[in-house]
Amino acid sequence: MSPSRSTNITIINNTTLTLTLQSSELDDGIWSQGLSPMTTLGPDSQGTCQAESAGILTGDAGSLAYTSSAGTFTFSFDDPYKGSNSYSQSAPSGYTISRSGGGGDNAGVTWIITSD
């Protein structure tokens, strides 16, 4: 049976930095089997992970933080059972994160990291 809510996350690192997972927190749901957060993202690479609801009438929500020589990059998501999905992100000075997608019950969101 598929989850009632899921968030498939792709992070594209279009920089020369290596990103190392500092934390992966879930306020709601579980990491999908075989799709846990990537521990490192090398320069000019991408990675995918997925969170999903873990019960009836529930959603998924959480955050990822990656450290680098430039500072910390954060990514947050919330795909509730009822209501609108929401996302946020932050980057150290000199870097930008753009986001696309993220709608629907089984959402796919892509974050792209670039240098300014």
N, C-alpha and C. Protein backbone atom coordinates (compact mmCIF):
# COMPACT_ATOMS: atom_id res chain seq x y z
N MET A 1 0.85 -1.18 0.00
CA MET A 1 0.00 0.00 0.00
C MET A 1 0.89 1.24 0.00
N SER A 2 0.59 2.18 -0.85
CA SER A 2 1.41 3.39 -0.92
C SER A 2 1.01 4.36 0.18
N PRO A 3 1.94 5.22 0.58
CA PRO A 3 1.65 6.18 1.65
C PRO A 3 0.64 7.22 1.19
N SER A 4 -0.12 7.77 2.15
CA SER A 4 -1.09 8.80 1.79
C SER A 4 -0.41 10.12 1.43
N ARG A 5 0.79 10.33 1.94
CA ARG A 5 1.57 11.53 1.62
C ARG A 5 3.04 11.14 1.52
N SER A 6 3.75 11.78 0.60
CA SER A 6 5.20 11.58 0.50
C SER A 6 5.83 12.82 -0.11
N THR A 7 7.10 13.01 0.20
CA THR A 7 7.88 14.10 -0.38
C THR A 7 9.17 13.52 -0.91
N ASN A 8 9.31 13.52 -2.23
CA ASN A 8 10.53 13.07 -2.89
C ASN A 8 11.40 14.29 -3.09
N ILE A 9 12.59 14.28 -2.51
CA ILE A 9 13.48 15.44 -2.46
C ILE A 9 14.70 15.20 -3.33
N THR A 10 14.96 16.13 -4.24
CA THR A 10 16.20 16.11 -5.01
C THR A 10 16.97 17.38 -4.70
N ILE A 11 18.23 17.24 -4.33
CA ILE A 11 19.11 18.39 -4.11
C ILE A 11 20.21 18.33 -5.16
N ILE A 12 20.32 19.40 -5.92
CA ILE A 12 21.34 19.51 -6.96
C ILE A 12 22.39 20.50 -6.50
N ASN A 13 23.62 20.04 -6.39
CA ASN A 13 24.73 20.86 -5.91
C ASN A 13 25.55 21.34 -7.12
N ASN A 14 25.23 22.52 -7.61
CA ASN A 14 25.95 23.11 -8.74
C ASN A 14 27.06 24.04 -8.25
N THR A 15 27.83 23.58 -7.27
CA THR A 15 28.93 24.37 -6.73
C THR A 15 30.19 23.50 -6.68
N THR A 16 31.28 24.11 -6.23
CA THR A 16 32.53 23.36 -6.05
C THR A 16 32.65 22.79 -4.63
N LEU A 17 31.61 22.97 -3.81
CA LEU A 17 31.63 22.53 -2.42
C LEU A 17 31.25 21.06 -2.28
N THR A 18 31.78 20.42 -1.24
CA THR A 18 31.29 19.11 -0.81
C THR A 18 30.39 19.35 0.39
N LEU A 19 29.17 18.84 0.33
CA LEU A 19 28.20 18.99 1.41
C LEU A 19 28.14 17.69 2.20
N THR A 20 28.19 17.81 3.52
CA THR A 20 28.16 16.65 4.41
C THR A 20 26.94 16.75 5.32
N LEU A 21 26.16 15.68 5.39
CA LEU A 21 24.94 15.68 6.20
C LEU A 21 25.28 15.93 7.67
N GLN A 22 24.67 16.98 8.22
CA GLN A 22 24.85 17.31 9.63
C GLN A 22 23.68 16.75 10.44
N SER A 23 22.45 16.88 9.89
CA SER A 23 21.28 16.36 10.59
C SER A 23 20.16 16.09 9.59
N SER A 24 19.34 15.11 9.94
CA SER A 24 18.12 14.80 9.18
C SER A 24 17.04 14.51 10.21
N GLU A 25 16.09 15.41 10.31
CA GLU A 25 15.05 15.33 11.33
C GLU A 25 13.69 15.13 10.66
N LEU A 26 12.86 14.27 11.25
CA LEU A 26 11.48 14.12 10.80
C LEU A 26 10.55 14.46 11.95
N ASP A 27 9.68 15.44 11.73
CA ASP A 27 8.66 15.79 12.71
C ASP A 27 7.44 14.90 12.53
N ASP A 28 7.25 14.40 11.30
CA ASP A 28 6.13 13.53 10.94
C ASP A 28 6.61 12.55 9.89
N GLY A 29 6.21 11.30 9.98
CA GLY A 29 6.53 10.33 8.94
C GLY A 29 7.83 9.59 9.17
N ILE A 30 8.26 8.88 8.11
CA ILE A 30 9.48 8.07 8.13
C ILE A 30 10.23 8.29 6.82
N TRP A 31 11.50 7.95 6.80
CA TRP A 31 12.24 7.94 5.53
C TRP A 31 11.83 6.69 4.77
N SER A 32 11.53 6.83 3.50
CA SER A 32 11.13 5.70 2.67
C SER A 32 12.27 4.69 2.58
N GLN A 33 11.91 3.41 2.53
CA GLN A 33 12.91 2.34 2.47
C GLN A 33 13.81 2.53 1.26
N GLY A 34 15.12 2.54 1.50
CA GLY A 34 16.10 2.70 0.43
C GLY A 34 16.29 4.13 -0.04
N LEU A 35 15.57 5.09 0.60
CA LEU A 35 15.67 6.49 0.18
C LEU A 35 15.98 7.42 1.35
N SER A 36 16.88 6.98 2.23
CA SER A 36 17.33 7.83 3.33
C SER A 36 18.16 8.99 2.77
N PRO A 37 18.31 10.06 3.55
CA PRO A 37 19.10 11.20 3.07
C PRO A 37 20.53 10.81 2.73
N MET A 38 21.05 11.41 1.67
CA MET A 38 22.42 11.16 1.24
C MET A 38 23.38 11.76 2.26
N THR A 39 24.45 11.03 2.57
CA THR A 39 25.39 11.49 3.59
C THR A 39 26.34 12.55 3.06
N THR A 40 26.67 12.51 1.78
CA THR A 40 27.49 13.57 1.16
C THR A 40 26.96 13.87 -0.23
N LEU A 41 27.17 15.11 -0.62
CA LEU A 41 26.87 15.57 -1.98
C LEU A 41 28.12 16.26 -2.49
N GLY A 42 28.79 15.65 -3.42
CA GLY A 42 30.01 16.22 -3.97
C GLY A 42 29.73 17.39 -4.89
N PRO A 43 30.78 18.07 -5.33
CA PRO A 43 30.63 19.17 -6.28
C PRO A 43 29.95 18.68 -7.57
N ASP A 44 29.09 19.53 -8.11
CA ASP A 44 28.39 19.23 -9.37
C ASP A 44 27.75 17.84 -9.37
N SER A 45 27.02 17.55 -8.30
CA SER A 45 26.33 16.26 -8.21
C SER A 45 24.93 16.48 -7.65
N GLN A 46 24.16 15.42 -7.59
CA GLN A 46 22.83 15.52 -7.02
C GLN A 46 22.50 14.25 -6.24
N GLY A 47 21.52 14.37 -5.36
CA GLY A 47 21.08 13.24 -4.56
C GLY A 47 19.59 13.32 -4.32
N THR A 48 19.00 12.17 -4.02
CA THR A 48 17.56 12.08 -3.80
C THR A 48 17.28 11.30 -2.52
N CYS A 49 16.26 11.76 -1.80
CA CYS A 49 15.76 11.03 -0.64
C CYS A 49 14.25 11.22 -0.61
N GLN A 50 13.58 10.48 0.26
CA GLN A 50 12.12 10.59 0.31
C GLN A 50 11.60 10.30 1.71
N ALA A 51 10.67 11.14 2.15
CA ALA A 51 9.94 10.92 3.40
C ALA A 51 8.50 10.57 3.04
N GLU A 52 7.86 9.78 3.89
CA GLU A 52 6.47 9.40 3.64
C GLU A 52 5.71 9.33 4.95
N SER A 53 4.39 9.42 4.86
CA SER A 53 3.55 9.31 6.04
C SER A 53 3.69 7.92 6.64
N ALA A 54 3.47 7.83 7.94
CA ALA A 54 3.68 6.56 8.64
C ALA A 54 2.42 6.08 9.35
N GLY A 55 1.28 6.57 8.94
CA GLY A 55 0.04 6.14 9.57
C GLY A 55 -1.16 6.63 8.78
N ILE A 56 -2.32 6.33 9.28
CA ILE A 56 -3.56 6.75 8.62
C ILE A 56 -3.81 8.22 8.94
N LEU A 57 -4.20 8.96 7.92
CA LEU A 57 -4.53 10.39 8.04
C LEU A 57 -3.37 11.20 8.60
N THR A 58 -2.15 10.89 8.15
CA THR A 58 -0.97 11.65 8.58
C THR A 58 -0.19 12.14 7.37
N GLY A 59 0.73 13.04 7.59
CA GLY A 59 1.58 13.58 6.54
C GLY A 59 3.04 13.28 6.81
N ASP A 60 3.89 14.05 6.15
CA ASP A 60 5.33 13.94 6.41
C ASP A 60 5.91 15.35 6.48
N ALA A 61 6.87 15.52 7.36
CA ALA A 61 7.50 16.83 7.56
C ALA A 61 8.87 16.63 8.18
N GLY A 62 9.82 17.47 7.77
CA GLY A 62 11.14 17.36 8.35
C GLY A 62 12.12 18.35 7.78
N SER A 63 13.40 18.12 8.08
CA SER A 63 14.43 19.04 7.62
C SER A 63 15.75 18.30 7.45
N LEU A 64 16.59 18.88 6.61
CA LEU A 64 17.94 18.39 6.35
C LEU A 64 18.90 19.56 6.53
N ALA A 65 20.06 19.29 7.10
CA ALA A 65 21.11 20.31 7.20
C ALA A 65 22.41 19.70 6.70
N TYR A 66 23.08 20.41 5.81
CA TYR A 66 24.36 19.98 5.26
C TYR A 66 25.41 21.04 5.55
N THR A 67 26.57 20.61 6.05
CA THR A 67 27.67 21.53 6.30
C THR A 67 28.65 21.51 5.13
N SER A 68 29.38 22.60 5.02
CA SER A 68 30.41 22.73 3.97
C SER A 68 31.45 23.72 4.45
N SER A 69 32.50 23.90 3.67
CA SER A 69 33.52 24.88 4.04
C SER A 69 32.98 26.31 4.01
N ALA A 70 31.85 26.53 3.33
CA ALA A 70 31.24 27.86 3.25
C ALA A 70 30.23 28.10 4.36
N GLY A 71 29.76 27.05 5.01
CA GLY A 71 28.73 27.18 6.03
C GLY A 71 27.68 26.10 5.87
N THR A 72 26.52 26.32 6.48
CA THR A 72 25.45 25.32 6.53
C THR A 72 24.32 25.66 5.57
N PHE A 73 23.84 24.64 4.88
CA PHE A 73 22.69 24.72 3.98
C PHE A 73 21.55 23.95 4.64
N THR A 74 20.35 24.54 4.71
CA THR A 74 19.21 23.86 5.33
C THR A 74 18.04 23.78 4.36
N PHE A 75 17.27 22.71 4.51
CA PHE A 75 16.11 22.43 3.65
C PHE A 75 15.00 21.88 4.54
N SER A 76 13.81 22.49 4.49
CA SER A 76 12.69 22.04 5.32
C SER A 76 11.47 21.81 4.44
N PHE A 77 10.67 20.82 4.83
CA PHE A 77 9.48 20.48 4.05
C PHE A 77 8.35 20.06 4.98
N ASP A 78 7.11 20.28 4.54
CA ASP A 78 5.93 19.87 5.28
C ASP A 78 4.83 19.54 4.28
N ASP A 79 4.44 18.28 4.22
CA ASP A 79 3.36 17.80 3.35
C ASP A 79 2.28 17.23 4.27
N PRO A 80 1.41 18.10 4.81
CA PRO A 80 0.43 17.66 5.80
C PRO A 80 -0.71 16.86 5.16
N TYR A 81 -1.43 16.10 6.00
CA TYR A 81 -2.58 15.37 5.47
C TYR A 81 -3.64 16.35 4.99
N LYS A 82 -3.85 17.42 5.75
CA LYS A 82 -4.79 18.47 5.35
C LYS A 82 -4.02 19.78 5.27
N GLY A 83 -4.34 20.58 4.26
CA GLY A 83 -3.70 21.88 4.12
C GLY A 83 -2.63 21.88 3.04
N SER A 84 -2.01 23.01 2.89
CA SER A 84 -1.03 23.22 1.82
C SER A 84 0.37 22.77 2.23
N ASN A 85 1.12 22.31 1.26
CA ASN A 85 2.53 21.97 1.47
C ASN A 85 3.33 23.24 1.67
N SER A 86 4.40 23.16 2.44
CA SER A 86 5.27 24.33 2.63
C SER A 86 6.73 23.89 2.65
N TYR A 87 7.59 24.82 2.24
CA TYR A 87 9.02 24.55 2.10
C TYR A 87 9.80 25.79 2.51
N SER A 88 11.02 25.58 2.99
CA SER A 88 11.93 26.70 3.23
C SER A 88 13.35 26.19 3.06
N GLN A 89 14.26 27.11 2.85
CA GLN A 89 15.66 26.78 2.64
C GLN A 89 16.52 27.96 3.05
N SER A 90 17.77 27.68 3.40
CA SER A 90 18.70 28.77 3.70
C SER A 90 20.09 28.35 3.25
N ALA A 91 20.88 29.35 2.86
CA ALA A 91 22.23 29.12 2.36
C ALA A 91 23.17 30.15 2.97
N PRO A 92 24.45 29.80 3.12
CA PRO A 92 25.42 30.78 3.60
C PRO A 92 25.65 31.88 2.57
N SER A 93 26.22 32.97 3.02
CA SER A 93 26.53 34.10 2.14
C SER A 93 27.34 33.63 0.94
N GLY A 94 26.97 34.13 -0.24
CA GLY A 94 27.68 33.78 -1.46
C GLY A 94 27.03 32.64 -2.23
N TYR A 95 25.95 32.07 -1.66
CA TYR A 95 25.27 30.95 -2.30
C TYR A 95 23.76 31.18 -2.31
N THR A 96 23.09 30.59 -3.29
CA THR A 96 21.65 30.72 -3.44
C THR A 96 21.04 29.34 -3.62
N ILE A 97 19.86 29.14 -3.05
CA ILE A 97 19.10 27.91 -3.26
C ILE A 97 17.78 28.28 -3.92
N SER A 98 17.51 27.70 -5.09
CA SER A 98 16.22 27.89 -5.74
C SER A 98 15.42 26.59 -5.59
N ARG A 99 14.10 26.71 -5.58
CA ARG A 99 13.24 25.55 -5.40
C ARG A 99 12.22 25.48 -6.53
N SER A 100 11.92 24.26 -6.97
CA SER A 100 10.84 24.05 -7.93
C SER A 100 10.04 22.83 -7.51
N GLY A 101 8.78 22.80 -7.93
CA GLY A 101 7.90 21.68 -7.61
C GLY A 101 7.41 21.75 -6.19
N GLY A 102 6.88 20.61 -5.71
CA GLY A 102 6.46 20.52 -4.32
C GLY A 102 4.97 20.46 -4.10
N GLY A 103 4.16 20.45 -5.17
CA GLY A 103 2.72 20.41 -4.99
C GLY A 103 2.18 18.99 -4.91
N GLY A 104 0.97 18.86 -4.39
CA GLY A 104 0.28 17.58 -4.40
C GLY A 104 0.52 16.74 -3.16
N ASP A 105 -0.26 15.64 -3.08
CA ASP A 105 -0.18 14.75 -1.92
C ASP A 105 1.13 13.96 -1.90
N ASN A 106 1.59 13.54 -3.06
CA ASN A 106 2.87 12.83 -3.19
C ASN A 106 3.78 13.75 -3.99
N ALA A 107 4.41 14.65 -3.27
CA ALA A 107 5.13 15.78 -3.87
C ALA A 107 6.54 15.41 -4.30
N GLY A 108 7.00 16.09 -5.33
CA GLY A 108 8.39 16.02 -5.75
C GLY A 108 8.95 17.43 -5.72
N VAL A 109 9.96 17.67 -4.92
CA VAL A 109 10.56 19.00 -4.81
C VAL A 109 12.04 18.91 -5.18
N THR A 110 12.50 19.93 -5.91
CA THR A 110 13.91 20.00 -6.30
C THR A 110 14.49 21.30 -5.79
N TRP A 111 15.60 21.21 -5.09
CA TRP A 111 16.36 22.38 -4.66
C TRP A 111 17.67 22.40 -5.44
N ILE A 112 18.02 23.57 -5.99
CA ILE A 112 19.26 23.72 -6.75
C ILE A 112 20.15 24.75 -6.04
N ILE A 113 21.36 24.34 -5.71
CA ILE A 113 22.33 25.21 -5.02
C ILE A 113 23.30 25.76 -6.06
N THR A 114 23.46 27.09 -6.07
CA THR A 114 24.42 27.73 -6.97
C THR A 114 25.22 28.77 -6.17
N SER A 115 26.37 29.13 -6.70
CA SER A 115 27.15 30.22 -6.09
C SER A 115 26.71 31.52 -6.75
N ASP A 116 26.75 32.61 -5.96
CA ASP A 116 26.33 33.93 -6.47
C ASP A 116 27.32 34.48 -7.47
